[in-house]
C-alpha atoms as a PDB file:
ATOM      1  CA  MET A   1    -180.191 120.746  82.768  1.00  0.00           C
ATOM      2  CA  SER A   2    -180.463 120.461  79.367  1.00  0.00           C
ATOM      3  CA  HIS A   3    -182.657 122.558  76.752  1.00  0.00           C
ATOM      4  CA  ASN A   4    -183.702 122.041  73.542  1.00  0.00           C
ATOM      5  CA  PHE A   5    -184.354 124.038  71.023  1.00  0.00           C
ATOM      6  CA  ASP A   6    -185.354 124.523  67.689  1.00  0.00           C
ATOM      7  CA  SER A   7    -183.021 126.006  65.005  1.00  0.00           C
ATOM      8  CA  ALA A   8    -184.872 129.482  64.823  1.00  0.00           C
ATOM      9  CA  THR A   9    -184.488 129.349  68.544  1.00  0.00           C
ATOM     10  CA  ILE A  10    -180.999 129.056  68.263  1.00  0.00           C
ATOM     11  CA  GLU A  11    -180.345 131.329  65.444  1.00  0.00           C
ATOM     12  CA  ARG A  12    -182.047 133.998  67.420  1.00  0.00           C
ATOM     13  CA  LEU A  13    -179.108 133.267  70.021  1.00  0.00           C
ATOM     14  CA  VAL A  14    -176.171 133.220  67.871  1.00  0.00           C
ATOM     15  CA  ALA A  15    -177.189 136.855  66.047  1.00  0.00           C
ATOM     16  CA  ALA A  16    -177.814 137.933  69.380  1.00  0.00           C
ATOM     17  CA  ALA A  17    -174.104 137.083  70.932  1.00  0.00           C
ATOM     18  CA  VAL A  18    -172.143 137.737  68.029  1.00  0.00           C
ATOM     19  CA  ALA A  19    -173.986 141.331  67.795  1.00  0.00           C
ATOM     20  CA  ALA A  20    -172.874 141.368  70.899  1.00  0.00           C
ATOM     21  CA  VAL A  21    -169.136 140.529  70.494  1.00  0.00           C
ATOM     22  CA  LEU A  22    -169.116 143.004  67.054  1.00  0.00           C
ATOM     23  CA  ALA A  23    -170.686 146.032  69.734  1.00  0.00           C
ATOM     24  CA  GLU A  24    -167.845 144.998  72.389  1.00  0.00           C
ATOM     25  CA  MET A  25    -165.001 145.398  69.684  1.00  0.00           C
ATOM     26  CA  GLN A  26    -166.423 148.802  68.483  1.00  0.00           C
ATOM     27  CA  PRO A  27    -164.021 151.437  69.990  1.00  0.00           C
ATOM     28  CA  ARG A  28    -165.509 153.523  72.596  1.00  0.00           C
ATOM     29  CA  PRO A  29    -166.249 157.791  72.588  1.00  0.00           C
ATOM     30  CA  ALA A  30    -163.859 158.996  74.802  1.00  0.00           C
ATOM     31  CA  ALA A  31    -164.732 161.226  78.062  1.00  0.00           C
ATOM     32  CA  ALA A  32    -165.304 165.084  77.121  1.00  0.00           C
ATOM     33  CA  ASP A  33    -162.755 165.733  79.220  1.00  0.00           C
ATOM     34  CA  GLY A  34    -159.955 163.727  77.743  1.00  0.00           C
ATOM     35  CA  ARG A  35    -157.238 165.307  75.860  1.00  0.00           C
ATOM     36  CA  ARG A  36    -158.354 166.316  72.254  1.00  0.00           C
ATOM     37  CA  VAL A  37    -156.915 164.327  69.411  1.00  0.00           C
ATOM     38  CA  ALA A  38    -157.766 164.812  65.542  1.00  0.00           C
ATOM     39  CA  VAL A  39    -157.374 161.822  63.793  1.00  0.00           C
ATOM     40  CA  LEU A  40    -157.047 162.009  60.355  1.00  0.00           C
ATOM     41  CA  VAL A  41    -157.830 159.978  57.640  1.00  0.00           C
ATOM     42  CA  SER A  42    -156.432 160.717  53.950  1.00  0.00           C
ATOM     43  CA  GLU A  43    -157.987 160.109  50.942  1.00  0.00           C
ATOM     44  CA  THR A  44    -157.458 156.291  51.179  1.00  0.00           C
ATOM     45  CA  THR A  45    -158.748 153.832  53.230  1.00  0.00           C
ATOM     46  CA  ALA A  46    -155.613 151.647  53.394  1.00  0.00           C
ATOM     47  CA  GLY A  47    -154.569 150.055  56.935  1.00  0.00           C
ATOM     48  CA  LEU A  48    -157.833 152.073  58.581  1.00  0.00           C
ATOM     49  CA  ASP A  49    -159.088 148.916  59.991  1.00  0.00           C
ATOM     50  CA  PHE A  50    -155.728 148.623  61.659  1.00  0.00           C
ATOM     51  CA  ALA A  51    -156.103 152.442  62.836  1.00  0.00           C
ATOM     52  CA  VAL A  52    -159.671 151.523  63.770  1.00  0.00           C
ATOM     53  CA  ALA A  53    -158.472 149.114  65.777  1.00  0.00           C
ATOM     54  CA  SER A  54    -155.187 149.996  67.394  1.00  0.00           C
ATOM     55  CA  LEU A  55    -156.666 153.652  68.481  1.00  0.00           C
ATOM     56  CA  GLY A  56    -159.684 151.400  70.167  1.00  0.00           C
ATOM     57  CA  THR A  57    -156.938 150.351  72.513  1.00  0.00           C
ATOM     58  CA  LEU A  58    -156.819 153.887  74.124  1.00  0.00           C
ATOM     59  CA  ALA A  59    -160.418 153.499  75.452  1.00  0.00           C
ATOM     60  CA  ASP A  60    -158.415 153.057  78.775  1.00  0.00           C
ATOM     61  CA  PHE A  61    -156.751 156.270  78.401  1.00  0.00           C
ATOM     62  CA  PRO A  62    -157.624 159.893  78.671  1.00  0.00           C
ATOM     63  CA  VAL A  63    -158.410 161.229  75.458  1.00  0.00           C
ATOM     64  CA  ARG A  64    -160.892 162.317  73.082  1.00  0.00           C
ATOM     65  CA  LEU A  65    -160.654 161.168  69.333  1.00  0.00           C
ATOM     66  CA  GLU A  66    -162.137 163.925  66.650  1.00  0.00           C
ATOM     67  CA  TRP A  67    -162.255 161.520  63.602  1.00  0.00           C
ATOM     68  CA  LEU A  68    -162.156 163.723  60.335  1.00  0.00           C
ATOM     69  CA  ALA A  69    -161.991 162.906  56.555  1.00  0.00           C
ATOM     70  CA  SER A  70    -163.294 164.209  53.114  1.00  0.00           C
ATOM     71  CA  GLY A  71    -166.284 163.190  51.382  1.00  0.00           C
ATOM     72  CA  ARG A  72    -167.368 159.700  51.028  1.00  0.00           C
ATOM     73  CA  GLY A  73    -164.580 159.299  52.981  1.00  0.00           C
ATOM     74  CA  VAL A  74    -166.707 160.248  56.575  1.00  0.00           C
ATOM     75  CA  ALA A  75    -169.141 157.447  56.002  1.00  0.00           C
ATOM     76  CA  SER A  76    -166.610 154.870  54.950  1.00  0.00           C
ATOM     77  CA  VAL A  77    -164.925 156.179  58.609  1.00  0.00           C
ATOM     78  CA  ASN A  78    -168.307 155.783  59.949  1.00  0.00           C
ATOM     79  CA  ARG A  79    -168.883 152.228  59.087  1.00  0.00           C
ATOM     80  CA  ARG A  80    -165.578 150.792  60.828  1.00  0.00           C
ATOM     81  CA  LEU A  81    -166.366 153.079  64.365  1.00  0.00           C
ATOM     82  CA  GLY A  82    -169.889 151.599  64.086  1.00  0.00           C
ATOM     83  CA  ALA A  83    -171.155 155.148  65.063  1.00  0.00           C
ATOM     84  CA  GLU A  84    -171.310 158.765  63.955  1.00  0.00           C
ATOM     85  CA  LEU A  85    -168.315 160.060  64.864  1.00  0.00           C
ATOM     86  CA  CYS A  86    -166.441 161.515  61.986  1.00  0.00           C
ATOM     87  CA  ARG A  87    -166.971 164.871  60.370  1.00  0.00           C
ATOM     88  CA  ASP A  88    -166.697 166.421  56.911  1.00  0.00           C
ATOM     89  CA  THR A  89    -163.211 168.653  56.827  1.00  0.00           C
ATOM     90  CA  ALA A  90    -165.429 170.929  55.252  1.00  0.00           C
ATOM     91  CA  ASP A  91    -167.344 171.398  58.395  1.00  0.00           C
ATOM     92  CA  ALA A  92    -164.113 171.256  60.751  1.00  0.00           C
ATOM     93  CA  GLY A  93    -163.308 174.875  60.723  1.00  0.00           C
ATOM     94  CA  CYS A  94    -159.445 176.520  60.012  1.00  0.00           C
ATOM     95  CA  PRO A  95    -157.123 173.534  60.195  1.00  0.00           C
ATOM     96  CA  LEU A  96    -154.198 175.891  61.912  1.00  0.00           C
ATOM     97  CA  LYS A  97    -156.658 176.978  64.168  1.00  0.00           C
ATOM     98  CA  LEU A  98    -157.372 173.281  64.824  1.00  0.00           C
ATOM     99  CA  ALA A  99    -153.737 172.150  65.240  1.00  0.00           C
ATOM    100  CA  SER A 100    -153.321 175.038  68.046  1.00  0.00           C
ATOM    101  CA  GLU A 101    -156.176 173.300  69.921  1.00  0.00           C
ATOM    102  CA  VAL A 102    -155.454 169.633  70.276  1.00  0.00           C
ATOM    103  CA  GLU A 103    -152.836 167.926  72.014  1.00  0.00           C
ATOM    104  CA  ALA A 104    -151.464 165.650  69.001  1.00  0.00           C
ATOM    105  CA  VAL A 105    -151.958 165.076  65.362  1.00  0.00           C
ATOM    106  CA  VAL A 106    -152.602 161.515  64.446  1.00  0.00           C
ATOM    107  CA  VAL A 107    -153.206 160.536  60.818  1.00  0.00           C
ATOM    108  CA  ALA A 108    -154.652 157.003  60.846  1.00  0.00           C
ATOM    109  CA  THR A 109    -154.343 157.169  56.906  1.00  0.00           C
ATOM    110  CA  LEU A 110    -151.516 159.141  54.925  1.00  0.00           C
ATOM    111  CA  ASP A 111    -151.821 158.957  51.229  1.00  0.00           C
ATOM    112  CA  ARG A 112    -149.155 160.023  48.918  1.00  0.00           C
ATOM    113  CA  PRO A 113    -150.574 163.614  47.552  1.00  0.00           C
ATOM    114  CA  THR A 114    -150.654 164.468  51.656  1.00  0.00           C
ATOM    115  CA  ALA A 115    -147.222 163.024  52.431  1.00  0.00           C
ATOM    116  CA  VAL A 116    -145.370 165.491  49.498  1.00  0.00           C
ATOM    117  CA  ARG A 117    -147.371 167.927  50.331  1.00  0.00           C
ATOM    118  CA  VAL A 118    -146.270 168.407  53.592  1.00  0.00           C
ATOM    119  CA  ALA A 119    -142.493 167.323  52.668  1.00  0.00           C
ATOM    120  CA  MET A 120    -142.057 170.364  50.187  1.00  0.00           C
ATOM    121  CA  THR A 121    -143.887 172.827  52.551  1.00  0.00           C
ATOM    122  CA  THR A 122    -146.444 173.593  50.446  1.00  0.00           C
ATOM    123  CA  PRO A 123    -149.714 171.909  52.081  1.00  0.00           C
ATOM    124  CA  GLU A 124    -152.679 172.990  49.761  1.00  0.00           C
ATOM    125  CA  THR A 125    -155.175 170.594  51.529  1.00  0.00           C
ATOM    126  CA  PHE A 126    -157.086 170.492  54.929  1.00  0.00           C
ATOM    127  CA  GLY A 127    -154.891 167.490  56.045  1.00  0.00           C
ATOM    128  CA  SER A 128    -151.699 169.049  54.416  1.00  0.00           C
ATOM    129  CA  LYS A 129    -152.273 172.076  56.399  1.00  0.00           C
ATOM    130  CA  LEU A 130    -153.132 170.953  59.646  1.00  0.00           C
ATOM    131  CA  LEU A 131    -150.616 168.103  59.961  1.00  0.00           C
ATOM    132  CA  LEU A 132    -147.806 171.145  58.666  1.00  0.00           C
ATOM    133  CA  GLU A 133    -149.398 173.946  61.058  1.00  0.00           C
ATOM    134  CA  ALA A 134    -148.940 171.072  63.733  1.00  0.00           C
ATOM    135  CA  LEU A 135    -145.294 169.879  62.928  1.00  0.00           C
ATOM    136  CA  CYS A 136    -144.899 173.245  63.302  1.00  0.00           C
ATOM    137  CA  LEU A 137    -146.012 174.064  66.571  1.00  0.00           C
ATOM    138  CA  GLY A 138    -144.122 170.899  67.893  1.00  0.00           C
ATOM    139  CA  THR A 139    -147.307 169.521  68.270  1.00  0.00           C
ATOM    140  CA  PRO A 140    -146.553 165.723  68.547  1.00  0.00           C
ATOM    141  CA  VAL A 141    -147.868 163.992  65.749  1.00  0.00           C
ATOM    142  CA  VAL A 142    -148.322 160.422  64.523  1.00  0.00           C
ATOM    143  CA  VAL A 143    -148.488 158.805  61.106  1.00  0.00           C
ATOM    144  CA  ALA A 144    -149.625 155.869  59.550  1.00  0.00           C
ATOM    145  CA  THR A 145    -147.530 154.738  56.169  1.00  0.00           C
ATOM    146  CA  ASP A 146    -149.446 151.331  55.426  1.00  0.00           C
ATOM    147  CA  ALA A 147    -150.781 153.359  52.454  1.00  0.00           C
ATOM    148  CA  LEU A 148    -147.523 154.269  51.378  1.00  0.00           C
ATOM    149  CA  GLY A 149    -146.364 150.866  49.650  1.00  0.00           C
ATOM    150  CA  LEU A 150    -142.773 151.974  51.234  1.00  0.00           C
ATOM    151  CA  ASP A 151    -142.035 147.844  51.210  1.00  0.00           C
ATOM    152  CA  ARG A 152    -143.078 146.986  47.854  1.00  0.00           C
ATOM    153  CA  PRO A 153    -140.554 144.347  46.346  1.00  0.00           C
ATOM    154  CA  GLU A 154    -141.342 144.717  43.052  1.00  0.00           C
ATOM    155  CA  ALA A 155    -139.756 148.202  43.398  1.00  0.00           C
ATOM    156  CA  THR A 156    -136.080 149.188  42.581  1.00  0.00           C
ATOM    157  CA  PRO A 157    -133.866 150.782  45.452  1.00  0.00           C
ATOM    158  CA  GLN A 158    -133.976 154.025  43.249  1.00  0.00           C
ATOM    159  CA  LEU A 159    -138.248 154.050  43.376  1.00  0.00           C
ATOM    160  CA  ARG A 160    -138.541 152.852  47.212  1.00  0.00           C
ATOM    161  CA  HIS A 161    -135.543 155.353  48.042  1.00  0.00           C
ATOM    162  CA  ALA A 162    -138.245 157.856  46.131  1.00  0.00           C
ATOM    163  CA  LEU A 163    -141.196 156.064  47.889  1.00  0.00           C
ATOM    164  CA  ALA A 164    -139.203 156.924  50.975  1.00  0.00           C
ATOM    165  CA  GLU A 165    -138.260 160.181  50.472  1.00  0.00           C
ATOM    166  CA  PRO A 166    -141.278 162.408  51.651  1.00  0.00           C
ATOM    167  CA  VAL A 167    -141.822 159.976  55.052  1.00  0.00           C
ATOM    168  CA  GLY A 168    -138.269 160.807  56.127  1.00  0.00           C
ATOM    169  CA  ARG A 169    -138.248 164.587  55.528  1.00  0.00           C
ATOM    170  CA  LEU A 170    -141.633 163.949  57.847  1.00  0.00           C
ATOM    171  CA  GLU A 171    -139.654 162.603  60.824  1.00  0.00           C
ATOM    172  CA  VAL A 172    -136.794 165.302  60.538  1.00  0.00           C
ATOM    173  CA  PHE A 173    -140.143 167.253  60.831  1.00  0.00           C
ATOM    174  CA  GLY A 174    -140.437 165.448  64.263  1.00  0.00           C
ATOM    175  CA  ALA A 175    -143.375 162.993  62.743  1.00  0.00           C
ATOM    176  CA  SER A 176    -143.485 159.720  64.669  1.00  0.00           C
ATOM    177  CA  CYS A 177    -143.753 157.323  61.465  1.00  0.00           C
ATOM    178  CA  VAL A 178    -145.410 154.067  62.053  1.00  0.00           C
ATOM    179  CA  GLU A 179    -147.716 151.266  60.832  1.00  0.00           C
ATOM    180  CA  ALA A 180    -151.193 151.665  61.156  1.00  0.00           C
ATOM    181  CA  VAL A 181    -150.946 148.530  64.223  1.00  0.00           C
ATOM    182  CA  ASP A 182    -149.304 151.120  66.261  1.00  0.00           C
ATOM    183  CA  LEU A 183    -150.967 154.315  66.510  1.00  0.00           C
ATOM    184  CA  GLY A 184    -152.436 153.774  69.794  1.00  0.00           C
ATOM    185  CA  ALA A 185    -148.490 152.516  71.513  1.00  0.00           C
ATOM    186  CA  THR A 186    -147.653 155.112  69.851  1.00  0.00           C
ATOM    187  CA  LEU A 187    -149.477 157.612  70.711  1.00  0.00           C
ATOM    188  CA  ARG A 188    -149.890 156.644  74.135  1.00  0.00           C
ATOM    189  CA  THR A 189    -146.401 156.607  74.395  1.00  0.00           C
ATOM    190  CA  LEU A 190    -146.128 160.315  73.486  1.00  0.00           C
ATOM    191  CA  LEU A 191    -148.758 161.301  75.735  1.00  0.00           C
ATOM    192  CA  SER A 192    -147.801 159.853  78.905  1.00  0.00           C
ATOM    193  CA  GLY A 193    -143.730 161.225  78.309  1.00  0.00           C
ATOM    194  CA  PRO A 194    -142.144 163.650  80.219  1.00  0.00           C
ATOM    195  CA  GLY A 195    -144.002 167.034  80.505  1.00  0.00           C
ATOM    196  CA  GLY A 196    -147.344 164.898  79.513  1.00  0.00           C
ATOM    197  CA  VAL A 197    -148.507 166.959  76.865  1.00  0.00           C
ATOM    198  CA  ASN A 198    -146.567 169.589  76.961  1.00  0.00           C
ATOM    199  CA  ALA A 199    -143.085 167.874  76.632  1.00  0.00           C
ATOM    200  CA  HIS A 200    -143.097 168.796  72.903  1.00  0.00           C
ATOM    201  CA  GLU A 201    -142.385 172.289  74.482  1.00  0.00           C
ATOM    202  CA  ASN A 202    -138.639 171.406  75.665  1.00  0.00           C
ATOM    203  CA  ARG A 203    -138.041 169.449  72.571  1.00  0.00           C
ATOM    204  CA  PRO A 204    -135.113 171.156  71.068  1.00  0.00           C
ATOM    205  CA  LEU A 205    -135.192 173.057  67.834  1.00  0.00           C
ATOM    206  CA  ILE A 206    -132.917 172.577  65.122  1.00  0.00           C
ATOM    207  CA  THR A 207    -132.778 176.372  62.640  1.00  0.00           C
ATOM    208  CA  ALA A 208    -130.343 176.938  59.862  1.00  0.00           C
ATOM    209  CA  ILE A 209    -127.926 178.619  62.503  1.00  0.00           C
ATOM    210  CA  GLU A 210    -127.102 174.843  63.872  1.00  0.00           C
ATOM    211  CA  VAL A 211    -127.071 173.284  60.139  1.00  0.00           C
ATOM    212  CA  GLU A 212    -125.156 175.859  58.667  1.00  0.00           C
ATOM    213  CA  ALA A 213    -122.442 175.627  62.210  1.00  0.00           C
ATOM    214  CA  ALA A 214    -122.101 171.775  61.635  1.00  0.00           C
ATOM    215  CA  ASP A 215    -119.023 170.071  59.860  1.00  0.00           C
ATOM    216  CA  GLY A 216    -120.486 167.855  57.394  1.00  0.00           C
ATOM    217  CA  GLU A 217    -123.156 166.447  59.948  1.00  0.00           C
ATOM    218  CA  LEU A 218    -125.428 166.977  62.628  1.00  0.00           C
ATOM    219  CA  LEU A 219    -126.696 164.431  65.172  1.00  0.00           C
ATOM    220  CA  LEU A 220    -130.362 165.275  66.043  1.00  0.00           C
ATOM    221  CA  SER A 221    -131.839 163.927  69.221  1.00  0.00           C
ATOM    222  CA  ALA A 222    -134.496 161.707  68.906  1.00  0.00           C
ATOM    223  CA  ASP A 223    -137.161 164.337  69.849  1.00  0.00           C
ATOM    224  CA  ALA A 224    -135.987 167.369  67.839  1.00  0.00           C
ATOM    225  CA  ILE A 225    -138.135 169.314  65.877  1.00  0.00           C
ATOM    226  CA  VAL A 226    -136.237 171.272  62.877  1.00  0.00           C
ATOM    227  CA  THR A 227    -137.586 173.523  60.875  1.00  0.00           C
ATOM    228  CA  PRO A 228    -138.543 173.246  56.851  1.00  0.00           C
ATOM    229  CA  LEU A 229    -135.430 176.229  56.401  1.00  0.00           C
ATOM    230  CA  ALA A 230    -133.169 173.737  58.436  1.00  0.00           C
ATOM    231  CA  LEU A 231    -133.570 171.208  56.500  1.00  0.00           C
ATOM    232  CA  ASP A 232    -133.355 172.957  52.911  1.00  0.00           C
ATOM    233  CA  ARG A 233    -130.331 174.440  54.301  1.00  0.00           C
ATOM    234  CA  ALA A 234    -128.883 171.241  54.663  1.00  0.00           C
ATOM    235  CA  ARG A 235    -129.571 169.903  51.340  1.00  0.00           C
ATOM    236  CA  GLU A 236    -127.873 172.905  50.268  1.00  0.00           C
ATOM    237  CA  LEU A 237    -124.515 172.709  51.843  1.00  0.00           C
ATOM    238  CA  GLY A 238    -124.734 168.582  52.110  1.00  0.00           C
ATOM    239  CA  VAL A 239    -124.508 168.359  55.114  1.00  0.00           C
ATOM    240  CA  LYS A 240    -126.143 164.734  56.416  1.00  0.00           C
ATOM    241  CA  LEU A 241    -129.039 165.214  59.371  1.00  0.00           C
ATOM    242  CA  ARG A 242    -129.190 162.488  62.030  1.00  0.00           C
ATOM    243  CA  ARG A 243    -131.271 161.410  63.971  1.00  0.00           C
ATOM    244  CA  LEU A 244    -130.432 159.326  67.283  1.00  0.00           C
ATOM    245  CA  PRO A 245    -132.083 156.937  69.119  1.00  0.00           C
ATOM    246  CA  ALA A 246    -134.296 158.050  72.100  1.00  0.00           C
END
């Protein structure tokens, strides 16, 4: 059977088909009883589209993503999500309380000021306080580092080292630092691991005592949590912290 459609009808059919495809691509709100995960968008949107797409792959996974941004960033995130799912950090209450309530924290876009504040353990903003508190509690933390420009080819080796240093400290603290496209898969793995969402309760804790007892080098398991004091003590004593692969 053949149909003869005029151009206006064809245009409407194409528009309807495109709208249906776009609607299917939008991330779906997670079930109300899913595992609660805070998703923070810092003061940059670099890599945000990849983060949204990656976390969208968790539609079949029991998580409840709570998107957070500040100021004009809220509208930008909601446009990408295709729904009013993001709220302002100003309305999110105490970041320390939130860190104790969620099962995991995801930083969809990490800006340099936030990375440096957490790395230096001097949190001043909602995002840096949430991130550092989650790390201190041993809550699973996944961070997208796309916006930091760690692989800029024009940068000197010294500059690349300086750019990467805050990320290295976050990893030593226990964060999983990945590209935005890997956020969904990494979060799924962390929440599906042995012990489930409470697996962090069994992660080894490295304190200044272990550092002081080390002989020049301290080997860390992949899931070890290093306290900020231990990291500072390692630097003072010249002890190298080397994290072993999982």
